Amino acid sequence: MKATRVLYEGYVQGVGFRWTTKRIAHGYDVSGWVRNLADGRVELQVSGEDDEVTAFLRAIRESTLGGHITGEHATEIQLATPFKGFRIV
C-alpha cells in the first residue's frame, strides 16, 4: 500500500476541483480525501496500491483540472489508520 499527500497550487478553488477529484477517484481502487486550504491550495491524501495511486494522480492531471494546476507537490506519508472510501473534507 502507498499513501501520498499532494498539494495543488493554481486556480484550484471555485472550479469544482474537489468534486471532480472525488468523481475521478470512483474509477480507481483508492481511498482518501480532498480539501481546500485557507491559502488557496487544495490538499489531497490518497492511499492504495502503487499503480492505482499513480494512475489516479495522473488522471487528475489529465482531466479538465490539469489546466488549473500550476504546481503539484507530492510526498509519501505514513497512515496511522487506513482511509475508508474517498470523501471531500
PDB file of N, CA and C in Angstrom:
ATOM      1  N   MET A   1       0.833  -1.189   0.000  1.00  0.00           N
ATOM      2  CA  MET A   1       0.000   0.000   0.000  1.00  0.00           C
ATOM      3  C   MET A   1       0.872   1.245   0.000  1.00  0.00           C
ATOM      4  N   LYS A   2       0.416   2.233  -0.735  1.00  0.00           N
ATOM      5  CA  LYS A   2       1.101   3.505  -0.842  1.00  0.00           C
ATOM      6  C   LYS A   2       0.153   4.590  -0.347  1.00  0.00           C
ATOM      7  N   ALA A   3       0.671   5.547   0.387  1.00  0.00           N
ATOM      8  CA  ALA A   3      -0.112   6.706   0.823  1.00  0.00           C
ATOM      9  C   ALA A   3       0.652   7.959   0.418  1.00  0.00           C
ATOM     10  N   THR A   4      -0.057   8.891  -0.179  1.00  0.00           N
ATOM     11  CA  THR A   4       0.561  10.092  -0.718  1.00  0.00           C
ATOM     12  C   THR A   4      -0.251  11.321  -0.336  1.00  0.00           C
ATOM     13  N   ARG A   5       0.453  12.393  -0.035  1.00  0.00           N
ATOM     14  CA  ARG A   5      -0.166  13.704   0.197  1.00  0.00           C
ATOM     15  C   ARG A   5       0.257  14.598  -0.954  1.00  0.00           C
ATOM     16  N   VAL A   6      -0.718  15.253  -1.592  1.00  0.00           N
ATOM     17  CA  VAL A   6      -0.427  16.139  -2.706  1.00  0.00           C
ATOM     18  C   VAL A   6      -1.020  17.509  -2.401  1.00  0.00           C
ATOM     19  N   LEU A   7      -0.223  18.539  -2.601  1.00  0.00           N
ATOM     20  CA  LEU A   7      -0.688  19.921  -2.501  1.00  0.00           C
ATOM     21  C   LEU A   7      -0.724  20.494  -3.913  1.00  0.00           C
ATOM     22  N   TYR A   8      -1.913  20.927  -4.336  1.00  0.00           N
ATOM     23  CA  TYR A   8      -2.093  21.515  -5.658  1.00  0.00           C
ATOM     24  C   TYR A   8      -2.160  23.030  -5.540  1.00  0.00           C
ATOM     25  N   GLU A   9      -1.451  23.710  -6.426  1.00  0.00           N
ATOM     26  CA  GLU A   9      -1.452  25.167  -6.482  1.00  0.00           C
ATOM     27  C   GLU A   9      -2.000  25.613  -7.827  1.00  0.00           C
ATOM     28  N   GLY A  10      -2.475  26.838  -7.868  1.00  0.00           N
ATOM     29  CA  GLY A  10      -3.012  27.411  -9.099  1.00  0.00           C
ATOM     30  C   GLY A  10      -4.418  27.907  -8.850  1.00  0.00           C
ATOM     31  N   TYR A  11      -5.212  27.898  -9.903  1.00  0.00           N
ATOM     32  CA  TYR A  11      -6.616  28.282  -9.789  1.00  0.00           C
ATOM     33  C   TYR A  11      -7.404  27.006  -9.496  1.00  0.00           C
ATOM     34  N   VAL A  12      -7.265  26.527  -8.251  1.00  0.00           N
ATOM     35  CA  VAL A  12      -7.794  25.204  -7.896  1.00  0.00           C
ATOM     36  C   VAL A  12      -8.978  25.261  -6.932  1.00  0.00           C
ATOM     37  N   GLN A  13      -9.402  26.457  -6.563  1.00  0.00           N
ATOM     38  CA  GLN A  13     -10.595  26.583  -5.730  1.00  0.00           C
ATOM     39  C   GLN A  13     -11.658  27.331  -6.523  1.00  0.00           C
ATOM     40  N   GLY A  14     -12.901  26.916  -6.348  1.00  0.00           N
ATOM     41  CA  GLY A  14     -14.002  27.551  -7.063  1.00  0.00           C
ATOM     42  C   GLY A  14     -14.187  27.051  -8.479  1.00  0.00           C
ATOM     43  N   VAL A  15     -13.548  25.933  -8.815  1.00  0.00           N
ATOM     44  CA  VAL A  15     -13.646  25.381 -10.171  1.00  0.00           C
ATOM     45  C   VAL A  15     -14.138  23.929 -10.159  1.00  0.00           C
ATOM     46  N   GLY A  16     -14.651  23.469  -9.019  1.00  0.00           N
ATOM     47  CA  GLY A  16     -15.122  22.085  -8.914  1.00  0.00           C
ATOM     48  C   GLY A  16     -14.011  21.079  -8.721  1.00  0.00           C
ATOM     49  N   PHE A  17     -12.870  21.532  -8.253  1.00  0.00           N
ATOM     50  CA  PHE A  17     -11.700  20.654  -8.115  1.00  0.00           C
ATOM     51  C   PHE A  17     -11.994  19.467  -7.203  1.00  0.00           C
ATOM     52  N   ARG A  18     -12.567  19.734  -6.024  1.00  0.00           N
ATOM     53  CA  ARG A  18     -12.811  18.644  -5.063  1.00  0.00           C
ATOM     54  C   ARG A  18     -13.835  17.654  -5.600  1.00  0.00           C
ATOM     55  N   TRP A  19     -14.900  18.161  -6.200  1.00  0.00           N
ATOM     56  CA  TRP A  19     -15.946  17.261  -6.716  1.00  0.00           C
ATOM     57  C   TRP A  19     -15.440  16.433  -7.886  1.00  0.00           C
ATOM     58  N   THR A  20     -14.675  17.057  -8.750  1.00  0.00           N
ATOM     59  CA  THR A  20     -14.117  16.325  -9.883  1.00  0.00           C
ATOM     60  C   THR A  20     -13.136  15.265  -9.409  1.00  0.00           C
ATOM     61  N   THR A  21     -12.319  15.604  -8.421  1.00  0.00           N
ATOM     62  CA  THR A  21     -11.368  14.644  -7.855  1.00  0.00           C
ATOM     63  C   THR A  21     -12.104  13.451  -7.254  1.00  0.00           C
ATOM     64  N   LYS A  22     -13.186  13.723  -6.549  1.00  0.00           N
ATOM     65  CA  LYS A  22     -13.971  12.634  -5.955  1.00  0.00           C
ATOM     66  C   LYS A  22     -14.562  11.745  -7.051  1.00  0.00           C
ATOM     67  N   ARG A  23     -15.065  12.360  -8.120  1.00  0.00           N
ATOM     68  CA  ARG A  23     -15.633  11.583  -9.230  1.00  0.00           C
ATOM     69  C   ARG A  23     -14.559  10.721  -9.883  1.00  0.00           C
ATOM     70  N   ILE A  24     -13.376  11.283 -10.089  1.00  0.00           N
ATOM     71  CA  ILE A  24     -12.272  10.529 -10.688  1.00  0.00           C
ATOM     72  C   ILE A  24     -11.880   9.358  -9.781  1.00  0.00           C
ATOM     73  N   ALA A  25     -11.870   9.587  -8.478  1.00  0.00           N
ATOM     74  CA  ALA A  25     -11.472   8.541  -7.520  1.00  0.00           C
ATOM     75  C   ALA A  25     -12.349   7.302  -7.627  1.00  0.00           C
ATOM     76  N   HIS A  26     -13.608   7.482  -8.001  1.00  0.00           N
ATOM     77  CA  HIS A  26     -14.505   6.324  -8.098  1.00  0.00           C
ATOM     78  C   HIS A  26     -14.094   5.347  -9.199  1.00  0.00           C
ATOM     79  N   GLY A  27     -13.246   5.790 -10.119  1.00  0.00           N
ATOM     80  CA  GLY A  27     -12.773   4.907 -11.182  1.00  0.00           C
ATOM     81  C   GLY A  27     -11.516   4.135 -10.816  1.00  0.00           C
ATOM     82  N   TYR A  28     -11.031   4.315  -9.596  1.00  0.00           N
ATOM     83  CA  TYR A  28      -9.781   3.677  -9.164  1.00  0.00           C
ATOM     84  C   TYR A  28      -9.978   3.027  -7.800  1.00  0.00           C
ATOM     85  N   ASP A  29      -9.146   2.063  -7.506  1.00  0.00           N
ATOM     86  CA  ASP A  29      -9.196   1.394  -6.212  1.00  0.00           C
ATOM     87  C   ASP A  29      -8.319   2.155  -5.226  1.00  0.00           C
ATOM     88  N   VAL A  30      -8.793   3.368  -4.867  1.00  0.00           N
ATOM     89  CA  VAL A  30      -8.078   4.233  -3.937  1.00  0.00           C
ATOM     90  C   VAL A  30      -9.049   4.734  -2.877  1.00  0.00           C
ATOM     91  N   SER A  31      -8.490   5.209  -1.782  1.00  0.00           N
ATOM     92  CA  SER A  31      -9.301   5.840  -0.748  1.00  0.00           C
ATOM     93  C   SER A  31      -8.554   7.063  -0.248  1.00  0.00           C
ATOM     94  N   GLY A  32      -9.289   7.971   0.392  1.00  0.00           N
ATOM     95  CA  GLY A  32      -8.648   9.166   0.908  1.00  0.00           C
ATOM     96  C   GLY A  32      -9.607  10.325   1.002  1.00  0.00           C
ATOM     97  N   TRP A  33      -9.056  11.528   0.893  1.00  0.00           N
ATOM     98  CA  TRP A  33      -9.875  12.725   0.983  1.00  0.00           C
ATOM     99  C   TRP A  33      -9.207  13.892   0.279  1.00  0.00           C
ATOM    100  N   VAL A  34     -10.010  14.942   0.041  1.00  0.00           N
ATOM    101  CA  VAL A  34      -9.534  16.158  -0.599  1.00  0.00           C
ATOM    102  C   VAL A  34     -10.194  17.340   0.109  1.00  0.00           C
ATOM    103  N   ARG A  35      -9.435  18.439   0.257  1.00  0.00           N
ATOM    104  CA  ARG A  35     -10.000  19.628   0.922  1.00  0.00           C
ATOM    105  C   ARG A  35      -9.310  20.895   0.423  1.00  0.00           C
ATOM    106  N   ASN A  36     -10.043  22.010   0.559  1.00  0.00           N
ATOM    107  CA  ASN A  36      -9.479  23.321   0.280  1.00  0.00           C
ATOM    108  C   ASN A  36      -8.669  23.771   1.483  1.00  0.00           C
ATOM    109  N   LEU A  37      -7.598  24.493   1.231  1.00  0.00           N
ATOM    110  CA  LEU A  37      -6.805  25.105   2.293  1.00  0.00           C
ATOM    111  C   LEU A  37      -7.030  26.619   2.273  1.00  0.00           C
ATOM    112  N   ALA A  38      -6.859  27.242   3.414  1.00  0.00           N
ATOM    113  CA  ALA A  38      -7.104  28.678   3.548  1.00  0.00           C
ATOM    114  C   ALA A  38      -6.198  29.521   2.650  1.00  0.00           C
ATOM    115  N   ASP A  39      -5.045  28.992   2.269  1.00  0.00           N
ATOM    116  CA  ASP A  39      -4.100  29.754   1.446  1.00  0.00           C
ATOM    117  C   ASP A  39      -4.360  29.637  -0.057  1.00  0.00           C
ATOM    118  N   GLY A  40      -5.486  28.988  -0.444  1.00  0.00           N
ATOM    119  CA  GLY A  40      -5.856  28.875  -1.849  1.00  0.00           C
ATOM    120  C   GLY A  40      -5.437  27.583  -2.520  1.00  0.00           C
ATOM    121  N   ARG A  41      -4.666  26.755  -1.827  1.00  0.00           N
ATOM    122  CA  ARG A  41      -4.271  25.461  -2.390  1.00  0.00           C
ATOM    123  C   ARG A  41      -5.334  24.412  -2.074  1.00  0.00           C
ATOM    124  N   VAL A  42      -5.200  23.249  -2.694  1.00  0.00           N
ATOM    125  CA  VAL A  42      -6.032  22.088  -2.393  1.00  0.00           C
ATOM    126  C   VAL A  42      -5.110  20.979  -1.921  1.00  0.00           C
ATOM    127  N   GLU A  43      -5.502  20.326  -0.824  1.00  0.00           N
ATOM    128  CA  GLU A  43      -4.739  19.196  -0.282  1.00  0.00           C
ATOM    129  C   GLU A  43      -5.491  17.905  -0.570  1.00  0.00           C
ATOM    130  N   LEU A  44      -4.746  16.910  -1.012  1.00  0.00           N
ATOM    131  CA  LEU A  44      -5.281  15.590  -1.303  1.00  0.00           C
ATOM    132  C   LEU A  44      -4.449  14.564  -0.550  1.00  0.00           C
ATOM    133  N   GLN A  45      -5.097  13.627   0.118  1.00  0.00           N
ATOM    134  CA  GLN A  45      -4.397  12.476   0.682  1.00  0.00           C
ATOM    135  C   GLN A  45      -5.074  11.240   0.123  1.00  0.00           C
ATOM    136  N   VAL A  46      -4.264  10.335  -0.403  1.00  0.00           N
ATOM    137  CA  VAL A  46      -4.795   9.160  -1.081  1.00  0.00           C
ATOM    138  C   VAL A  46      -3.941   7.945  -0.745  1.00  0.00           C
ATOM    139  N   SER A  47      -4.595   6.788  -0.657  1.00  0.00           N
ATOM    140  CA  SER A  47      -3.857   5.545  -0.434  1.00  0.00           C
ATOM    141  C   SER A  47      -4.435   4.451  -1.320  1.00  0.00           C
ATOM    142  N   GLY A  48      -3.600   3.455  -1.581  1.00  0.00           N
ATOM    143  CA  GLY A  48      -3.986   2.323  -2.408  1.00  0.00           C
ATOM    144  C   GLY A  48      -2.737   1.648  -2.925  1.00  0.00           C
ATOM    145  N   GLU A  49      -2.926   0.678  -3.786  1.00  0.00           N
ATOM    146  CA  GLU A  49      -1.789   0.025  -4.419  1.00  0.00           C
ATOM    147  C   GLU A  49      -1.043   1.054  -5.260  1.00  0.00           C
ATOM    148  N   ASP A  50       0.254   0.902  -5.339  1.00  0.00           N
ATOM    149  CA  ASP A  50       1.117   1.880  -6.003  1.00  0.00           C
ATOM    150  C   ASP A  50       0.611   2.243  -7.397  1.00  0.00           C
ATOM    151  N   ASP A  51       0.294   1.257  -8.225  1.00  0.00           N
ATOM    152  CA  ASP A  51      -0.133   1.545  -9.597  1.00  0.00           C
ATOM    153  C   ASP A  51      -1.473   2.267  -9.637  1.00  0.00           C
ATOM    154  N   GLU A  52      -2.370   1.980  -8.702  1.00  0.00           N
ATOM    155  CA  GLU A  52      -3.673   2.653  -8.651  1.00  0.00           C
ATOM    156  C   GLU A  52      -3.520   4.113  -8.242  1.00  0.00           C
ATOM    157  N   VAL A  53      -2.687   4.372  -7.242  1.00  0.00           N
ATOM    158  CA  VAL A  53      -2.450   5.751  -6.798  1.00  0.00           C
ATOM    159  C   VAL A  53      -1.802   6.542  -7.928  1.00  0.00           C
ATOM    160  N   THR A  54      -0.810   5.974  -8.567  1.00  0.00           N
ATOM    161  CA  THR A  54      -0.124   6.646  -9.674  1.00  0.00           C
ATOM    162  C   THR A  54      -1.089   6.962 -10.802  1.00  0.00           C
ATOM    163  N   ALA A  55      -1.930   5.999 -11.177  1.00  0.00           N
ATOM    164  CA  ALA A  55      -2.894   6.203 -12.260  1.00  0.00           C
ATOM    165  C   ALA A  55      -3.939   7.250 -11.875  1.00  0.00           C
ATOM    166  N   PHE A  56      -4.394   7.235 -10.640  1.00  0.00           N
ATOM    167  CA  PHE A  56      -5.371   8.209 -10.155  1.00  0.00           C
ATOM    168  C   PHE A  56      -4.804   9.625 -10.225  1.00  0.00           C
ATOM    169  N   LEU A  57      -3.588   9.820  -9.733  1.00  0.00           N
ATOM    170  CA  LEU A  57      -2.976  11.141  -9.761  1.00  0.00           C
ATOM    171  C   LEU A  57      -2.732  11.609 -11.191  1.00  0.00           C
ATOM    172  N   ARG A  58      -2.380  10.703 -12.075  1.00  0.00           N
ATOM    173  CA  ARG A  58      -2.205  11.038 -13.486  1.00  0.00           C
ATOM    174  C   ARG A  58      -3.545  11.445 -14.107  1.00  0.00           C
ATOM    175  N   ALA A  59      -4.611  10.743 -13.729  1.00  0.00           N
ATOM    176  CA  ALA A  59      -5.937  11.067 -14.256  1.00  0.00           C
ATOM    177  C   ALA A  59      -6.384  12.459 -13.827  1.00  0.00           C
ATOM    178  N   ILE A  60      -6.021  12.884 -12.629  1.00  0.00           N
ATOM    179  CA  ILE A  60      -6.342  14.245 -12.183  1.00  0.00           C
ATOM    180  C   ILE A  60      -5.630  15.256 -13.084  1.00  0.00           C
ATOM    181  N   ARG A  61      -4.339  15.045 -13.318  1.00  0.00           N
ATOM    182  CA  ARG A  61      -3.561  15.964 -14.157  1.00  0.00           C
ATOM    183  C   ARG A  61      -4.082  16.008 -15.593  1.00  0.00           C
ATOM    184  N   GLU A  62      -4.552  14.863 -16.092  1.00  0.00           N
ATOM    185  CA  GLU A  62      -5.006  14.779 -17.481  1.00  0.00           C
ATOM    186  C   GLU A  62      -6.465  15.180 -17.655  1.00  0.00           C
ATOM    187  N   SER A  63      -7.174  15.422 -16.562  1.00  0.00           N
ATOM    188  CA  SER A  63      -8.580  15.818 -16.640  1.00  0.00           C
ATOM    189  C   SER A  63      -8.674  17.316 -16.922  1.00  0.00           C
ATOM    190  N   THR A  64      -9.874  17.843 -16.912  1.00  0.00           N
ATOM    191  CA  THR A  64     -10.078  19.283 -17.096  1.00  0.00           C
ATOM    192  C   THR A  64      -9.408  20.085 -15.992  1.00  0.00           C
ATOM    193  N   LEU A  65      -9.097  19.448 -14.869  1.00  0.00           N
ATOM    194  CA  LEU A  65      -8.431  20.131 -13.762  1.00  0.00           C
ATOM    195  C   LEU A  65      -6.999  20.509 -14.098  1.00  0.00           C
ATOM    196  N   GLY A  66      -6.383  19.768 -14.984  1.00  0.00           N
ATOM    197  CA  GLY A  66      -4.977  19.991 -15.318  1.00  0.00           C
ATOM    198  C   GLY A  66      -4.669  21.419 -15.731  1.00  0.00           C
ATOM    199  N   GLY A  67      -5.591  22.064 -16.407  1.00  0.00           N
ATOM    200  CA  GLY A  67      -5.386  23.432 -16.846  1.00  0.00           C
ATOM    201  C   GLY A  67      -5.387  24.439 -15.713  1.00  0.00           C
ATOM    202  N   HIS A  68      -5.885  24.036 -14.554  1.00  0.00           N
ATOM    203  CA  HIS A  68      -5.941  24.921 -13.396  1.00  0.00           C
ATOM    204  C   HIS A  68      -4.738  24.741 -12.464  1.00  0.00           C
ATOM    205  N   ILE A  69      -3.992  23.664 -12.651  1.00  0.00           N
ATOM    206  CA  ILE A  69      -2.881  23.336 -11.751  1.00  0.00           C
ATOM    207  C   ILE A  69      -1.597  23.984 -12.267  1.00  0.00           C
ATOM    208  N   THR A  70      -0.968  24.804 -11.403  1.00  0.00           N
ATOM    209  CA  THR A  70       0.327  25.401 -11.766  1.00  0.00           C
ATOM    210  C   THR A  70       1.464  24.794 -10.945  1.00  0.00           C
ATOM    211  N   GLY A  71       1.113  24.101  -9.883  1.00  0.00           N
ATOM    212  CA  GLY A  71       2.110  23.450  -9.046  1.00  0.00           C
ATOM    213  C   GLY A  71       1.512  22.249  -8.362  1.00  0.00           C
ATOM    214  N   GLU A  72       2.319  21.212  -8.212  1.00  0.00           N
ATOM    215  CA  GLU A  72       1.866  19.962  -7.590  1.00  0.00           C
ATOM    216  C   GLU A  72       3.038  19.411  -6.783  1.00  0.00           C
ATOM    217  N   HIS A  73       2.847  19.291  -5.474  1.00  0.00           N
ATOM    218  CA  HIS A  73       3.912  18.829  -4.598  1.00  0.00           C
ATOM    219  C   HIS A  73       3.444  17.577  -3.865  1.00  0.00           C
ATOM    220  N   ALA A  74       4.030  16.429  -4.206  1.00  0.00           N
ATOM    221  CA  ALA A  74       3.617  15.147  -3.637  1.00  0.00           C
ATOM    222  C   ALA A  74       4.683  14.611  -2.698  1.00  0.00           C
ATOM    223  N   THR A  75       4.231  14.058  -1.568  1.00  0.00           N
ATOM    224  CA  THR A  75       5.125  13.396  -0.624  1.00  0.00           C
ATOM    225  C   THR A  75       4.455  12.127  -0.136  1.00  0.00           C
ATOM    226  N   GLU A  76       5.266  11.104   0.094  1.00  0.00           N
ATOM    227  CA  GLU A  76       4.725   9.879   0.688  1.00  0.00           C
ATOM    228  C   GLU A  76       4.484  10.127   2.164  1.00  0.00           C
ATOM    229  N   ILE A  77       3.405   9.545   2.680  1.00  0.00           N
ATOM    230  CA  ILE A  77       3.065   9.704   4.090  1.00  0.00           C
ATOM    231  C   ILE A  77       2.818   8.336   4.702  1.00  0.00           C
ATOM    232  N   GLN A  78       2.862   8.286   6.018  1.00  0.00           N
ATOM    233  CA  GLN A  78       2.529   7.083   6.769  1.00  0.00           C
ATOM    234  C   GLN A  78       1.145   7.302   7.393  1.00  0.00           C
ATOM    235  N   LEU A  79       0.289   6.331   7.277  1.00  0.00           N
ATOM    236  CA  LEU A  79      -1.058   6.444   7.830  1.00  0.00           C
ATOM    237  C   LEU A  79      -1.149   5.704   9.152  1.00  0.00           C
ATOM    238  N   ALA A  80      -1.729   6.355  10.148  1.00  0.00           N
ATOM    239  CA  ALA A  80      -1.971   5.699  11.437  1.00  0.00           C
ATOM    240  C   ALA A  80      -3.115   4.693  11.286  1.00  0.00           C
ATOM    241  N   THR A  81      -4.136   5.090  10.561  1.00  0.00           N
ATOM    242  CA  THR A  81      -5.267   4.205  10.259  1.00  0.00           C
ATOM    243  C   THR A  81      -5.594   4.354   8.775  1.00  0.00           C
ATOM    244  N   PRO A  82      -5.986   3.286   8.121  1.00  0.00           N
ATOM    245  CA  PRO A  82      -6.280   3.367   6.683  1.00  0.00           C
ATOM    246  C   PRO A  82      -7.527   4.209   6.416  1.00  0.00           C
ATOM    247  N   PHE A  83      -7.556   4.849   5.257  1.00  0.00           N
ATOM    248  CA  PHE A  83      -8.742   5.588   4.829  1.00  0.00           C
ATOM    249  C   PHE A  83      -9.833   4.599   4.435  1.00  0.00           C
ATOM    250  N   LYS A  84     -11.068   5.045   4.516  1.00  0.00           N
ATOM    251  CA  LYS A  84     -12.202   4.259   4.019  1.00  0.00           C
ATOM    252  C   LYS A  84     -12.975   5.122   3.059  1.00  0.00           C
ATOM    253  N   GLY A  85     -13.079   4.682   1.818  1.00  0.00           N
ATOM    254  CA  GLY A  85     -13.775   5.463   0.805  1.00  0.00           C
ATOM    255  C   GLY A  85     -12.977   6.696   0.422  1.00  0.00           C
ATOM    256  N   PHE A  86     -13.623   7.545  -0.373  1.00  0.00           N
ATOM    257  CA  PHE A  86     -12.998   8.799  -0.756  1.00  0.00           C
ATOM    258  C   PHE A  86     -14.004   9.907  -0.506  1.00  0.00           C
ATOM    259  N   ARG A  87     -13.576  10.951   0.199  1.00  0.00           N
ATOM    260  CA  ARG A  87     -14.530  11.985   0.581  1.00  0.00           C
ATOM    261  C   ARG A  87     -13.944  13.379   0.458  1.00  0.00           C
ATOM    262  N   ILE A  88     -14.839  14.335   0.458  1.00  0.00           N
ATOM    263  CA  ILE A  88     -14.468  15.744   0.494  1.00  0.00           C
ATOM    264  C   ILE A  88     -14.544  16.167   1.946  1.00  0.00           C
ATOM    265  N   VAL A  89     -13.482  16.791   2.431  1.00  0.00           N
ATOM    266  CA  VAL A  89     -13.422  17.225   3.832  1.00  0.00           C
ATOM    267  C   VAL A  89     -13.797  18.699   3.885  1.00  0.00           C
TER     268      VAL A  89
END
